[in-house]
């Protein structure tokens, strides 16, 4: 689902701005990553609202953003 949406969005961008330096594949990959991140954060917040643990979920999302680096990234 996200791949198709990313592909459609990338095709629209290339159709509107054909001289854009990024290729279709690069745009599709970047949009797929962006859509995935937005979906994960949205689902996390929706479930946390339903369960009443919104503050904890927000803290975890902030912690993962700030401190969630893999060992390979720290070298």
Protein backbone atom coordinates (compact mmCIF):
# COMPACT_ATOMS: atom_id res chain seq x y z
CA UNK A 1 0.00 0.00 0.00
CA UNK A 2 2.72 2.49 0.97
CA UNK A 3 4.84 1.45 -2.03
CA UNK A 4 1.98 2.14 -4.41
CA UNK A 5 1.23 5.49 -2.79
CA UNK A 6 4.92 6.43 -2.91
CA UNK A 7 5.13 5.38 -6.56
CA UNK A 8 2.06 7.39 -7.46
CA UNK A 9 3.36 10.46 -5.60
CA UNK A 10 6.81 10.17 -7.20
CA UNK A 11 5.24 9.90 -10.65
CA UNK A 12 3.14 13.01 -9.98
CA UNK A 13 6.20 14.95 -8.83
CA UNK A 14 8.14 13.93 -11.94
CA UNK A 15 5.11 14.83 -14.09
CA UNK A 16 4.79 18.29 -12.54
CA UNK A 17 8.55 18.99 -12.31
CA UNK A 18 10.21 16.81 -14.99
CA UNK A 19 13.58 18.58 -14.67
CA UNK A 20 13.87 17.74 -10.97
CA UNK A 21 17.35 16.25 -10.40
CA UNK A 22 16.11 13.29 -8.32
CA UNK A 23 15.16 10.19 -10.26
CA UNK A 24 11.81 8.46 -9.96
CA UNK A 25 13.40 5.65 -7.92
CA UNK A 26 15.00 8.07 -5.46
CA UNK A 27 11.76 10.00 -5.02
CA UNK A 28 9.79 6.78 -4.57
CA UNK A 29 12.21 5.50 -1.91
CA UNK A 30 12.25 8.80 0.00
CA UNK A 31 8.47 9.07 -0.07
CA UNK A 32 8.07 5.45 1.06
CA UNK A 33 10.31 6.15 4.06
CA UNK A 34 8.40 9.34 4.85
CA UNK A 35 5.00 7.65 4.56
CA UNK A 36 6.20 4.75 6.73
CA UNK A 37 7.40 7.09 9.49
CA UNK A 38 4.16 9.07 9.41
CA UNK A 39 2.09 5.87 9.53
CA UNK A 40 4.02 4.44 12.50
CA UNK A 41 3.77 7.67 14.48
CA UNK A 42 0.07 8.08 13.65
CA UNK A 43 -0.80 4.51 14.62
CA UNK A 44 1.20 4.79 17.83
CA UNK A 45 -0.60 7.97 18.82
CA UNK A 46 -4.04 6.61 17.90
CA UNK A 47 -3.55 3.45 19.94
CA UNK A 48 -2.14 5.45 22.85
CA UNK A 49 -5.18 7.75 22.77
CA UNK A 50 -7.49 4.74 22.80
CA UNK A 51 -5.67 3.15 25.74
CA UNK A 52 -5.08 6.35 27.69
CA UNK A 53 -1.28 6.17 27.55
CA UNK A 54 -0.62 9.15 25.29
CA UNK A 55 2.01 10.78 27.51
CA UNK A 56 4.02 7.56 27.69
CA UNK A 57 3.80 7.04 23.93
CA UNK A 58 4.97 10.59 23.20
CA UNK A 59 7.89 10.16 25.60
CA UNK A 60 8.89 6.90 23.92
CA UNK A 61 8.69 8.48 20.45
CA UNK A 62 10.86 11.39 21.61
CA UNK A 63 13.32 9.03 23.28
CA UNK A 64 13.60 6.89 20.16
CA UNK A 65 14.18 9.99 18.04
CA UNK A 66 16.85 11.40 20.34
CA UNK A 67 18.57 8.31 21.70
CA UNK A 68 17.53 5.46 19.42
CA UNK A 69 20.77 5.22 17.46
CA UNK A 70 22.16 1.86 16.48
CA UNK A 71 25.76 0.96 17.47
CA UNK A 72 26.84 1.32 13.82
CA UNK A 73 25.76 4.98 13.77
CA UNK A 74 27.77 5.89 16.87
CA UNK A 75 31.14 4.97 15.33
